N, C-alpha and C. Protein backbone atom coordinates (compact mmCIF):
# COMPACT_ATOMS: atom_id res chain seq x y z
N MET A 1 32.70 14.78 2.13
CA MET A 1 31.36 15.32 1.95
C MET A 1 31.14 16.45 2.96
N GLY A 2 30.49 17.51 2.50
CA GLY A 2 30.20 18.63 3.39
C GLY A 2 28.99 18.34 4.26
N LYS A 3 28.78 19.23 5.21
CA LYS A 3 27.67 19.07 6.15
C LYS A 3 26.32 19.05 5.44
N LYS A 4 26.13 19.95 4.44
CA LYS A 4 24.87 19.99 3.70
C LYS A 4 24.64 18.70 2.93
N GLN A 5 25.70 18.14 2.36
CA GLN A 5 25.57 16.89 1.61
C GLN A 5 25.22 15.74 2.55
N ASP A 6 25.81 15.74 3.75
CA ASP A 6 25.50 14.70 4.74
C ASP A 6 24.02 14.75 5.11
N ILE A 7 23.52 15.95 5.33
CA ILE A 7 22.12 16.13 5.70
C ILE A 7 21.21 15.68 4.56
N ALA A 8 21.55 16.07 3.34
CA ALA A 8 20.75 15.69 2.18
C ALA A 8 20.76 14.18 1.99
N GLN A 9 21.92 13.54 2.16
CA GLN A 9 22.01 12.09 2.00
C GLN A 9 21.19 11.38 3.07
N ARG A 10 21.26 11.87 4.30
CA ARG A 10 20.49 11.28 5.39
C ARG A 10 19.00 11.40 5.13
N ALA A 11 18.56 12.54 4.64
CA ALA A 11 17.14 12.75 4.31
C ALA A 11 16.71 11.82 3.20
N ALA A 12 17.56 11.65 2.19
CA ALA A 12 17.23 10.73 1.08
C ALA A 12 17.14 9.30 1.59
N ASP A 13 18.06 8.90 2.46
CA ASP A 13 18.04 7.55 3.03
C ASP A 13 16.78 7.32 3.86
N GLU A 14 16.39 8.32 4.65
CA GLU A 14 15.18 8.20 5.47
C GLU A 14 13.94 8.08 4.60
N ALA A 15 13.89 8.83 3.52
CA ALA A 15 12.74 8.76 2.61
C ALA A 15 12.65 7.38 1.99
N ARG A 16 13.79 6.83 1.56
CA ARG A 16 13.78 5.48 1.00
C ARG A 16 13.34 4.46 2.04
N SER A 17 13.85 4.61 3.27
CA SER A 17 13.50 3.68 4.34
C SER A 17 12.01 3.72 4.61
N PHE A 18 11.42 4.92 4.61
CA PHE A 18 9.99 5.05 4.85
C PHE A 18 9.21 4.35 3.75
N GLU A 19 9.59 4.58 2.50
CA GLU A 19 8.89 3.95 1.38
C GLU A 19 9.04 2.43 1.44
N GLU A 20 10.22 1.95 1.77
CA GLU A 20 10.44 0.51 1.87
C GLU A 20 9.60 -0.08 2.99
N ALA A 21 9.45 0.66 4.08
CA ALA A 21 8.65 0.16 5.20
C ALA A 21 7.18 0.12 4.83
N ARG A 22 6.74 0.96 3.90
CA ARG A 22 5.34 1.01 3.50
C ARG A 22 5.04 0.06 2.34
N ALA A 23 6.06 -0.65 1.85
CA ALA A 23 5.86 -1.60 0.76
C ALA A 23 5.60 -2.98 1.34
N ILE A 24 4.63 -3.68 0.77
CA ILE A 24 4.27 -5.02 1.25
C ILE A 24 5.03 -6.04 0.40
N ASP A 25 5.89 -6.79 1.05
CA ASP A 25 6.69 -7.82 0.37
C ASP A 25 5.94 -9.15 0.48
N VAL A 26 5.26 -9.55 -0.59
CA VAL A 26 4.45 -10.76 -0.54
C VAL A 26 5.30 -12.03 -0.55
N THR A 27 6.62 -11.89 -0.68
CA THR A 27 7.50 -13.06 -0.60
C THR A 27 7.99 -13.29 0.84
N ASN A 28 7.67 -12.37 1.74
CA ASN A 28 8.09 -12.46 3.13
C ASN A 28 6.89 -12.90 3.96
N LYS A 29 6.94 -14.12 4.49
CA LYS A 29 5.81 -14.67 5.24
C LYS A 29 5.42 -13.83 6.45
N ARG A 30 6.42 -13.31 7.18
CA ARG A 30 6.11 -12.48 8.35
C ARG A 30 5.41 -11.20 7.94
N ALA A 31 5.88 -10.59 6.86
CA ALA A 31 5.27 -9.35 6.38
C ALA A 31 3.83 -9.60 5.92
N VAL A 32 3.63 -10.69 5.21
CA VAL A 32 2.28 -11.01 4.73
C VAL A 32 1.35 -11.25 5.91
N ARG A 33 1.80 -12.00 6.89
CA ARG A 33 0.98 -12.25 8.09
C ARG A 33 0.66 -10.93 8.80
N PHE A 34 1.66 -10.05 8.95
CA PHE A 34 1.45 -8.76 9.61
C PHE A 34 0.40 -7.94 8.86
N TRP A 35 0.60 -7.75 7.55
CA TRP A 35 -0.30 -6.88 6.79
C TRP A 35 -1.69 -7.49 6.66
N ALA A 36 -1.80 -8.80 6.54
CA ALA A 36 -3.11 -9.44 6.46
C ALA A 36 -3.89 -9.19 7.76
N ARG A 37 -3.23 -9.33 8.89
CA ARG A 37 -3.88 -9.04 10.17
C ARG A 37 -4.24 -7.56 10.28
N ARG A 38 -3.32 -6.72 9.85
CA ARG A 38 -3.53 -5.27 9.93
C ARG A 38 -4.77 -4.84 9.16
N PHE A 39 -4.96 -5.45 7.97
CA PHE A 39 -6.09 -5.09 7.12
C PHE A 39 -7.32 -5.97 7.35
N GLY A 40 -7.18 -7.02 8.16
CA GLY A 40 -8.32 -7.89 8.45
C GLY A 40 -8.75 -8.74 7.25
N VAL A 41 -7.77 -9.20 6.48
CA VAL A 41 -8.06 -10.04 5.31
C VAL A 41 -7.20 -11.29 5.37
N SER A 42 -7.53 -12.25 4.53
CA SER A 42 -6.69 -13.45 4.46
C SER A 42 -5.41 -13.14 3.72
N ARG A 43 -4.43 -14.02 3.86
CA ARG A 43 -3.17 -13.83 3.15
C ARG A 43 -3.37 -13.89 1.64
N ARG A 44 -4.26 -14.74 1.20
CA ARG A 44 -4.55 -14.85 -0.23
C ARG A 44 -5.20 -13.57 -0.75
N GLU A 45 -6.16 -13.04 0.03
CA GLU A 45 -6.81 -11.78 -0.38
C GLU A 45 -5.78 -10.65 -0.46
N LEU A 46 -4.88 -10.61 0.50
CA LEU A 46 -3.84 -9.58 0.49
C LEU A 46 -2.98 -9.70 -0.77
N ALA A 47 -2.55 -10.92 -1.07
CA ALA A 47 -1.71 -11.13 -2.26
C ALA A 47 -2.45 -10.73 -3.53
N ASP A 48 -3.75 -11.03 -3.60
CA ASP A 48 -4.55 -10.65 -4.77
C ASP A 48 -4.60 -9.13 -4.94
N VAL A 49 -4.80 -8.43 -3.84
CA VAL A 49 -4.88 -6.97 -3.91
C VAL A 49 -3.52 -6.39 -4.29
N VAL A 50 -2.44 -6.92 -3.73
CA VAL A 50 -1.11 -6.43 -4.08
C VAL A 50 -0.85 -6.65 -5.58
N ARG A 51 -1.32 -7.77 -6.12
CA ARG A 51 -1.18 -8.01 -7.56
C ARG A 51 -1.94 -6.96 -8.37
N GLN A 52 -3.08 -6.52 -7.85
CA GLN A 52 -3.92 -5.56 -8.57
C GLN A 52 -3.37 -4.13 -8.51
N VAL A 53 -2.94 -3.69 -7.32
CA VAL A 53 -2.58 -2.27 -7.14
C VAL A 53 -1.10 -2.04 -6.87
N GLY A 54 -0.33 -3.08 -6.68
CA GLY A 54 1.08 -2.92 -6.35
C GLY A 54 1.32 -3.03 -4.86
N PRO A 55 2.58 -2.95 -4.43
CA PRO A 55 2.93 -3.22 -3.03
C PRO A 55 2.78 -2.05 -2.07
N ASN A 56 2.40 -0.87 -2.54
CA ASN A 56 2.27 0.28 -1.65
C ASN A 56 1.15 0.02 -0.65
N ALA A 57 1.48 0.08 0.64
CA ALA A 57 0.52 -0.24 1.69
C ALA A 57 -0.70 0.68 1.68
N THR A 58 -0.51 1.94 1.34
CA THR A 58 -1.63 2.88 1.29
C THR A 58 -2.58 2.51 0.16
N ALA A 59 -2.03 2.18 -1.00
CA ALA A 59 -2.89 1.77 -2.13
C ALA A 59 -3.64 0.49 -1.81
N VAL A 60 -2.96 -0.43 -1.14
CA VAL A 60 -3.61 -1.69 -0.75
C VAL A 60 -4.74 -1.41 0.23
N ALA A 61 -4.49 -0.55 1.21
CA ALA A 61 -5.52 -0.21 2.20
C ALA A 61 -6.73 0.42 1.53
N LEU A 62 -6.49 1.34 0.60
CA LEU A 62 -7.61 1.98 -0.10
C LEU A 62 -8.42 0.98 -0.90
N LYS A 63 -7.74 0.05 -1.55
CA LYS A 63 -8.44 -0.96 -2.34
C LYS A 63 -9.27 -1.88 -1.44
N ILE A 64 -8.69 -2.28 -0.32
CA ILE A 64 -9.40 -3.18 0.60
C ILE A 64 -10.60 -2.48 1.23
N GLU A 65 -10.44 -1.21 1.57
CA GLU A 65 -11.50 -0.48 2.26
C GLU A 65 -12.57 0.05 1.31
N ALA A 66 -12.29 0.05 0.00
CA ALA A 66 -13.26 0.57 -0.97
C ALA A 66 -14.48 -0.35 -1.02
N PRO A 67 -15.67 0.22 -1.07
CA PRO A 67 -16.86 -0.62 -1.22
C PRO A 67 -16.80 -1.36 -2.55
N ASN A 68 -17.33 -2.56 -2.58
CA ASN A 68 -17.28 -3.38 -3.79
C ASN A 68 -17.95 -2.71 -4.98
N ASP A 69 -19.01 -1.95 -4.76
CA ASP A 69 -19.70 -1.31 -5.88
C ASP A 69 -18.96 -0.07 -6.37
N ALA A 70 -17.88 0.34 -5.69
CA ALA A 70 -17.13 1.53 -6.13
C ALA A 70 -16.41 1.24 -7.45
N GLN A 71 -16.20 -0.02 -7.75
CA GLN A 71 -15.53 -0.39 -8.99
C GLN A 71 -16.48 -0.31 -10.18
N ALA A 72 -17.77 -0.23 -9.94
CA ALA A 72 -18.76 -0.22 -11.01
C ALA A 72 -18.89 1.15 -11.63
N GLY A 73 -18.35 2.19 -11.01
CA GLY A 73 -18.43 3.53 -11.56
C GLY A 73 -19.41 4.36 -10.77
N PRO A 74 -19.61 5.60 -11.19
CA PRO A 74 -20.51 6.50 -10.44
C PRO A 74 -21.97 6.07 -10.61
N PRO A 75 -22.80 6.42 -9.64
CA PRO A 75 -24.22 6.05 -9.75
C PRO A 75 -24.88 6.77 -10.92
N ALA A 76 -25.88 6.15 -11.48
CA ALA A 76 -26.61 6.74 -12.61
C ALA A 76 -27.38 7.98 -12.13
N GLN A 77 -27.44 8.98 -12.98
CA GLN A 77 -28.17 10.20 -12.67
C GLN A 77 -29.65 9.99 -13.00
N PRO A 78 -30.54 10.39 -12.11
CA PRO A 78 -31.98 10.25 -12.39
C PRO A 78 -32.40 11.18 -13.52
N ASN A 79 -33.35 10.73 -14.31
CA ASN A 79 -33.90 11.57 -15.39
C ASN A 79 -34.94 12.52 -14.81
N PRO A 80 -34.83 13.82 -15.11
CA PRO A 80 -35.80 14.79 -14.54
C PRO A 80 -37.14 14.71 -15.22
């Protein structure tokens, strides 16, 4: 492999590693405990959110931090 290929492979490996690190593995008790504490939710709540939005930690954080009424849609416009 040439030098450019080595660099490209290393970059691809790092990108995969970053994505894997940002994925929440709900089958791993240590990971669940870590992420539940990080987000300030119970382990069950964390698992429920992961079921809803997938294992991406950013998506989970956004779902947890979203106000409950944000799921209801935009506020009604007043009639002039």
